[in-house]
């Protein structure tokens, strides 16, 4: 259960990195996936709050600060979700939120960008690179990105032969300009 909560939390945090300042987030789907006993396990997380200043013409002045509510973690298994909320995994009593703060954002090509972020889970901060695409149409900006983390880097659970250390996170968010 602990291994599943981290991916969801990271997904939510990551999704907050993909909106524009003064925009209204109209949709945010943050999903995560890991393996337990060799079988894929997935889930979602919500509660996104963000302060985003994104300007493709001036990326040096762009910034993102976001958080997600760990209590929204959902793996479609209430017993597992409750376990993930406990001290061994996310410890939501003491660490109810996951935080993401941009360090830099760079343009790769076309509508492809990479953001370097400080990701903080359970008071442990690590830098993560999140590649993402940005498309704009009809006053809506859509952000899509994927990245991986090691749950052990953030003290989520312990080393295990059953639960994978790596968690994949996918973000698909839209904001009205």
C-alpha atoms as a PDB file:
ATOM      1  CA  UNK A   1       0.000   0.000   0.000  1.00  0.00           C
ATOM      2  CA  UNK A   2       2.790   2.372   0.846  1.00  0.00           C
ATOM      3  CA  UNK A   3       4.347   1.946  -2.541  1.00  0.00           C
ATOM      4  CA  UNK A   4       1.124   2.929  -4.247  1.00  0.00           C
ATOM      5  CA  UNK A   5       0.580   6.148  -2.327  1.00  0.00           C
ATOM      6  CA  UNK A   6       3.848   7.741  -3.350  1.00  0.00           C
ATOM      7  CA  UNK A   7       3.201   7.500  -7.083  1.00  0.00           C
ATOM      8  CA  UNK A   8      -0.199   9.059  -6.740  1.00  0.00           C
ATOM      9  CA  UNK A   9       1.115  11.917  -4.667  1.00  0.00           C
ATOM     10  CA  UNK A  10       3.883  12.606  -7.127  1.00  0.00           C
ATOM     11  CA  UNK A  11       1.448  12.668  -9.978  1.00  0.00           C
ATOM     12  CA  UNK A  12      -0.645  15.301  -8.311  1.00  0.00           C
ATOM     13  CA  UNK A  13       2.372  17.408  -7.548  1.00  0.00           C
ATOM     14  CA  UNK A  14       3.596  17.100 -11.094  1.00  0.00           C
ATOM     15  CA  UNK A  15       0.269  18.095 -12.560  1.00  0.00           C
ATOM     16  CA  UNK A  16       0.411  21.399 -10.772  1.00  0.00           C
ATOM     17  CA  UNK A  17       3.460  22.325 -12.776  1.00  0.00           C
ATOM     18  CA  UNK A  18       1.534  22.584 -16.005  1.00  0.00           C
ATOM     19  CA  UNK A  19      -0.776  25.595 -15.838  1.00  0.00           C
ATOM     20  CA  UNK A  20      -0.515  29.311 -16.576  1.00  0.00           C
ATOM     21  CA  UNK A  21      -0.725  32.161 -14.126  1.00  0.00           C
ATOM     22  CA  UNK A  22      -4.149  33.795 -13.922  1.00  0.00           C
ATOM     23  CA  UNK A  23      -5.680  30.726 -15.505  1.00  0.00           C
ATOM     24  CA  UNK A  24      -8.359  28.475 -14.134  1.00  0.00           C
ATOM     25  CA  UNK A  25      -7.484  24.795 -14.027  1.00  0.00           C
ATOM     26  CA  UNK A  26     -10.386  23.083 -15.756  1.00  0.00           C
ATOM     27  CA  UNK A  27      -9.121  19.506 -15.675  1.00  0.00           C
ATOM     28  CA  UNK A  28      -6.330  17.631 -13.908  1.00  0.00           C
ATOM     29  CA  UNK A  29      -5.814  13.890 -14.240  1.00  0.00           C
ATOM     30  CA  UNK A  30      -2.839  12.646 -12.267  1.00  0.00           C
ATOM     31  CA  UNK A  31      -2.185   8.928 -12.373  1.00  0.00           C
ATOM     32  CA  UNK A  32       0.583   6.710 -11.057  1.00  0.00           C
ATOM     33  CA  UNK A  33       1.663   3.138 -11.587  1.00  0.00           C
ATOM     34  CA  UNK A  34       4.030   0.747  -9.847  1.00  0.00           C
ATOM     35  CA  UNK A  35       4.345  -3.013  -9.450  1.00  0.00           C
ATOM     36  CA  UNK A  36       3.418  -5.162  -6.487  1.00  0.00           C
ATOM     37  CA  UNK A  37       4.348  -8.836  -6.737  1.00  0.00           C
ATOM     38  CA  UNK A  38       5.054  -8.225 -10.433  1.00  0.00           C
ATOM     39  CA  UNK A  39       1.524  -6.987 -11.107  1.00  0.00           C
ATOM     40  CA  UNK A  40       0.842  -3.399 -12.143  1.00  0.00           C
ATOM     41  CA  UNK A  41      -0.981  -1.309  -9.582  1.00  0.00           C
ATOM     42  CA  UNK A  42      -2.282   2.137 -10.389  1.00  0.00           C
ATOM     43  CA  UNK A  43      -4.093   5.009  -8.777  1.00  0.00           C
ATOM     44  CA  UNK A  44      -4.830   8.721  -8.768  1.00  0.00           C
ATOM     45  CA  UNK A  45      -4.387  11.752  -6.541  1.00  0.00           C
ATOM     46  CA  UNK A  46      -6.091  15.153  -6.408  1.00  0.00           C
ATOM     47  CA  UNK A  47      -6.399  18.303  -4.349  1.00  0.00           C
ATOM     48  CA  UNK A  48      -4.137  20.349  -6.590  1.00  0.00           C
ATOM     49  CA  UNK A  49      -3.325  23.911  -5.522  1.00  0.00           C
ATOM     50  CA  UNK A  50      -0.877  25.917  -7.598  1.00  0.00           C
ATOM     51  CA  UNK A  51       0.681  29.324  -8.181  1.00  0.00           C
ATOM     52  CA  UNK A  52       1.954  29.177 -11.758  1.00  0.00           C
ATOM     53  CA  UNK A  53       3.715  31.819 -13.778  1.00  0.00           C
ATOM     54  CA  UNK A  54       4.538  30.384 -17.200  1.00  0.00           C
ATOM     55  CA  UNK A  55       5.718  32.439 -20.149  1.00  0.00           C
ATOM     56  CA  UNK A  56       7.088  30.489 -23.109  1.00  0.00           C
ATOM     57  CA  UNK A  57       8.803  33.663 -24.378  1.00  0.00           C
ATOM     58  CA  UNK A  58      10.617  34.173 -21.051  1.00  0.00           C
ATOM     59  CA  UNK A  59      11.188  30.816 -19.381  1.00  0.00           C
ATOM     60  CA  UNK A  60      13.761  32.283 -16.979  1.00  0.00           C
ATOM     61  CA  UNK A  61      10.959  34.313 -15.404  1.00  0.00           C
ATOM     62  CA  UNK A  62       8.582  31.346 -15.257  1.00  0.00           C
ATOM     63  CA  UNK A  63       7.897  29.612 -11.947  1.00  0.00           C
ATOM     64  CA  UNK A  64       5.665  26.973 -10.417  1.00  0.00           C
ATOM     65  CA  UNK A  65       4.755  26.294  -6.804  1.00  0.00           C
ATOM     66  CA  UNK A  66       2.208  23.566  -6.220  1.00  0.00           C
ATOM     67  CA  UNK A  67       0.889  21.096  -3.696  1.00  0.00           C
ATOM     68  CA  UNK A  68      -1.423  18.113  -3.605  1.00  0.00           C
ATOM     69  CA  UNK A  69      -3.453  16.648  -0.782  1.00  0.00           C
ATOM     70  CA  UNK A  70      -2.161  13.190   0.124  1.00  0.00           C
ATOM     71  CA  UNK A  71      -5.547  12.364   1.655  1.00  0.00           C
ATOM     72  CA  UNK A  72      -7.019  12.215  -1.882  1.00  0.00           C
ATOM     73  CA  UNK A  73      -4.895   9.218  -2.824  1.00  0.00           C
ATOM     74  CA  UNK A  74      -7.083   6.573  -4.462  1.00  0.00           C
ATOM     75  CA  UNK A  75      -6.031   3.080  -5.565  1.00  0.00           C
ATOM     76  CA  UNK A  76      -9.611   1.698  -5.652  1.00  0.00           C
ATOM     77  CA  UNK A  77      -8.826  -0.297  -2.508  1.00  0.00           C
ATOM     78  CA  UNK A  78      -9.815   1.436   0.739  1.00  0.00           C
ATOM     79  CA  UNK A  79      -7.713  -0.879   2.944  1.00  0.00           C
ATOM     80  CA  UNK A  80      -4.601  -0.234   0.851  1.00  0.00           C
ATOM     81  CA  UNK A  81      -5.310   3.510   0.761  1.00  0.00           C
ATOM     82  CA  UNK A  82      -5.652   3.605   4.563  1.00  0.00           C
ATOM     83  CA  UNK A  83      -2.357   1.741   4.906  1.00  0.00           C
ATOM     84  CA  UNK A  84      -0.644   4.196   2.547  1.00  0.00           C
ATOM     85  CA  UNK A  85      -1.839   7.085   4.719  1.00  0.00           C
ATOM     86  CA  UNK A  86      -0.063   5.573   7.742  1.00  0.00           C
ATOM     87  CA  UNK A  87       3.362   6.346   9.220  1.00  0.00           C
ATOM     88  CA  UNK A  88       5.226   3.700   7.219  1.00  0.00           C
ATOM     89  CA  UNK A  89       4.290   5.303   3.915  1.00  0.00           C
ATOM     90  CA  UNK A  90       2.964   8.864   3.574  1.00  0.00           C
ATOM     91  CA  UNK A  91       2.251   9.653   7.236  1.00  0.00           C
ATOM     92  CA  UNK A  92      -0.577  12.038   6.305  1.00  0.00           C
ATOM     93  CA  UNK A  93      -1.058  13.138   9.911  1.00  0.00           C
ATOM     94  CA  UNK A  94       2.361  14.794   9.908  1.00  0.00           C
ATOM     95  CA  UNK A  95       2.793  15.351   6.142  1.00  0.00           C
ATOM     96  CA  UNK A  96      -0.637  15.996   4.580  1.00  0.00           C
ATOM     97  CA  UNK A  97       0.739  17.600   1.420  1.00  0.00           C
ATOM     98  CA  UNK A  98       3.336  17.022  -1.248  1.00  0.00           C
ATOM     99  CA  UNK A  99       5.078  20.099  -2.613  1.00  0.00           C
ATOM    100  CA  UNK A 100       6.614  20.919  -5.980  1.00  0.00           C
ATOM    101  CA  UNK A 101       8.638  24.055  -6.695  1.00  0.00           C
ATOM    102  CA  UNK A 102      10.321  24.883  -9.977  1.00  0.00           C
ATOM    103  CA  UNK A 103      14.055  25.421 -10.201  1.00  0.00           C
ATOM    104  CA  UNK A 104      14.149  25.974 -13.971  1.00  0.00           C
ATOM    105  CA  UNK A 105      12.145  25.383 -17.135  1.00  0.00           C
ATOM    106  CA  UNK A 106      13.762  24.869 -20.531  1.00  0.00           C
ATOM    107  CA  UNK A 107      12.498  24.556 -24.083  1.00  0.00           C
ATOM    108  CA  UNK A 108      13.470  21.392 -25.952  1.00  0.00           C
ATOM    109  CA  UNK A 109      11.740  21.723 -29.348  1.00  0.00           C
ATOM    110  CA  UNK A 110       8.331  22.605 -30.748  1.00  0.00           C
ATOM    111  CA  UNK A 111       5.855  22.318 -27.869  1.00  0.00           C
ATOM    112  CA  UNK A 112       8.221  20.204 -25.726  1.00  0.00           C
ATOM    113  CA  UNK A 113       9.671  21.503 -22.450  1.00  0.00           C
ATOM    114  CA  UNK A 114      11.510  20.133 -19.426  1.00  0.00           C
ATOM    115  CA  UNK A 115      11.029  21.461 -15.933  1.00  0.00           C
ATOM    116  CA  UNK A 116      13.465  20.857 -13.086  1.00  0.00           C
ATOM    117  CA  UNK A 117      11.597  20.834  -9.785  1.00  0.00           C
ATOM    118  CA  UNK A 118      12.243  20.380  -6.088  1.00  0.00           C
ATOM    119  CA  UNK A 119       9.804  17.674  -5.039  1.00  0.00           C
ATOM    120  CA  UNK A 120       9.175  17.448  -1.289  1.00  0.00           C
ATOM    121  CA  UNK A 121       7.514  14.429   0.267  1.00  0.00           C
ATOM    122  CA  UNK A 122       7.636  13.787   4.025  1.00  0.00           C
ATOM    123  CA  UNK A 123      10.118  16.680   4.490  1.00  0.00           C
ATOM    124  CA  UNK A 124      12.563  15.045   2.028  1.00  0.00           C
ATOM    125  CA  UNK A 125      13.382  17.137  -1.029  1.00  0.00           C
ATOM    126  CA  UNK A 126      14.888  15.806  -4.265  1.00  0.00           C
ATOM    127  CA  UNK A 127      15.201  17.377  -7.698  1.00  0.00           C
ATOM    128  CA  UNK A 128      13.220  15.761 -10.494  1.00  0.00           C
ATOM    129  CA  UNK A 129      13.149  16.533 -14.200  1.00  0.00           C
ATOM    130  CA  UNK A 130       9.685  16.482 -15.731  1.00  0.00           C
ATOM    131  CA  UNK A 131       9.453  16.567 -19.533  1.00  0.00           C
ATOM    132  CA  UNK A 132       6.100  17.918 -20.744  1.00  0.00           C
ATOM    133  CA  UNK A 133       4.253  19.107 -23.826  1.00  0.00           C
ATOM    134  CA  UNK A 134       2.146  22.240 -24.025  1.00  0.00           C
ATOM    135  CA  UNK A 135      -0.570  22.747 -26.610  1.00  0.00           C
ATOM    136  CA  UNK A 136      -2.934  25.685 -26.891  1.00  0.00           C
ATOM    137  CA  UNK A 137      -6.308  25.865 -28.624  1.00  0.00           C
ATOM    138  CA  UNK A 138      -9.467  27.923 -28.104  1.00  0.00           C
ATOM    139  CA  UNK A 139      -8.171  29.660 -24.977  1.00  0.00           C
ATOM    140  CA  UNK A 140      -7.180  26.416 -23.266  1.00  0.00           C
ATOM    141  CA  UNK A 141      -3.635  25.279 -22.483  1.00  0.00           C
ATOM    142  CA  UNK A 142      -3.126  21.521 -22.182  1.00  0.00           C
ATOM    143  CA  UNK A 143      -0.108  20.060 -20.419  1.00  0.00           C
ATOM    144  CA  UNK A 144       0.960  16.419 -20.607  1.00  0.00           C
ATOM    145  CA  UNK A 145       3.986  14.932 -18.919  1.00  0.00           C
ATOM    146  CA  UNK A 146       5.439  11.733 -17.513  1.00  0.00           C
ATOM    147  CA  UNK A 147       8.278  11.006 -15.117  1.00  0.00           C
ATOM    148  CA  UNK A 148       9.540   8.384 -12.680  1.00  0.00           C
ATOM    149  CA  UNK A 149      10.684   8.535  -9.081  1.00  0.00           C
ATOM    150  CA  UNK A 150      12.166   6.146  -6.570  1.00  0.00           C
ATOM    151  CA  UNK A 151       9.786   5.942  -3.588  1.00  0.00           C
ATOM    152  CA  UNK A 152      12.672   5.091  -1.248  1.00  0.00           C
ATOM    153  CA  UNK A 153      14.247   8.517  -1.926  1.00  0.00           C
ATOM    154  CA  UNK A 154      11.332  10.029   0.018  1.00  0.00           C
ATOM    155  CA  UNK A 155      11.037   7.481   2.831  1.00  0.00           C
ATOM    156  CA  UNK A 156       7.879   5.930   1.388  1.00  0.00           C
ATOM    157  CA  UNK A 157       7.936   2.385   2.708  1.00  0.00           C
ATOM    158  CA  UNK A 158      11.077   0.317   2.948  1.00  0.00           C
ATOM    159  CA  UNK A 159      13.085  -1.859   0.593  1.00  0.00           C
ATOM    160  CA  UNK A 160      11.002  -4.821  -0.498  1.00  0.00           C
ATOM    161  CA  UNK A 161      11.252  -7.883  -2.703  1.00  0.00           C
ATOM    162  CA  UNK A 162       7.527  -7.583  -3.415  1.00  0.00           C
ATOM    163  CA  UNK A 163       6.985  -3.874  -4.045  1.00  0.00           C
ATOM    164  CA  UNK A 164       8.865  -2.061  -6.821  1.00  0.00           C
ATOM    165  CA  UNK A 165      10.901   1.002  -5.898  1.00  0.00           C
ATOM    166  CA  UNK A 166      10.111   2.832  -9.141  1.00  0.00           C
ATOM    167  CA  UNK A 167       6.853   4.720  -9.601  1.00  0.00           C
ATOM    168  CA  UNK A 168       5.694   6.124 -12.961  1.00  0.00           C
ATOM    169  CA  UNK A 169       3.606   9.294 -12.913  1.00  0.00           C
ATOM    170  CA  UNK A 170       1.464  10.664 -15.755  1.00  0.00           C
ATOM    171  CA  UNK A 171      -0.059  14.114 -15.846  1.00  0.00           C
ATOM    172  CA  UNK A 172      -2.733  15.465 -18.154  1.00  0.00           C
ATOM    173  CA  UNK A 173      -4.021  18.892 -17.163  1.00  0.00           C
ATOM    174  CA  UNK A 174      -5.845  21.750 -18.843  1.00  0.00           C
ATOM    175  CA  UNK A 175      -6.227  25.404 -17.891  1.00  0.00           C
ATOM    176  CA  UNK A 176      -8.389  28.154 -19.314  1.00  0.00           C
ATOM    177  CA  UNK A 177      -6.274  31.187 -20.205  1.00  0.00           C
END
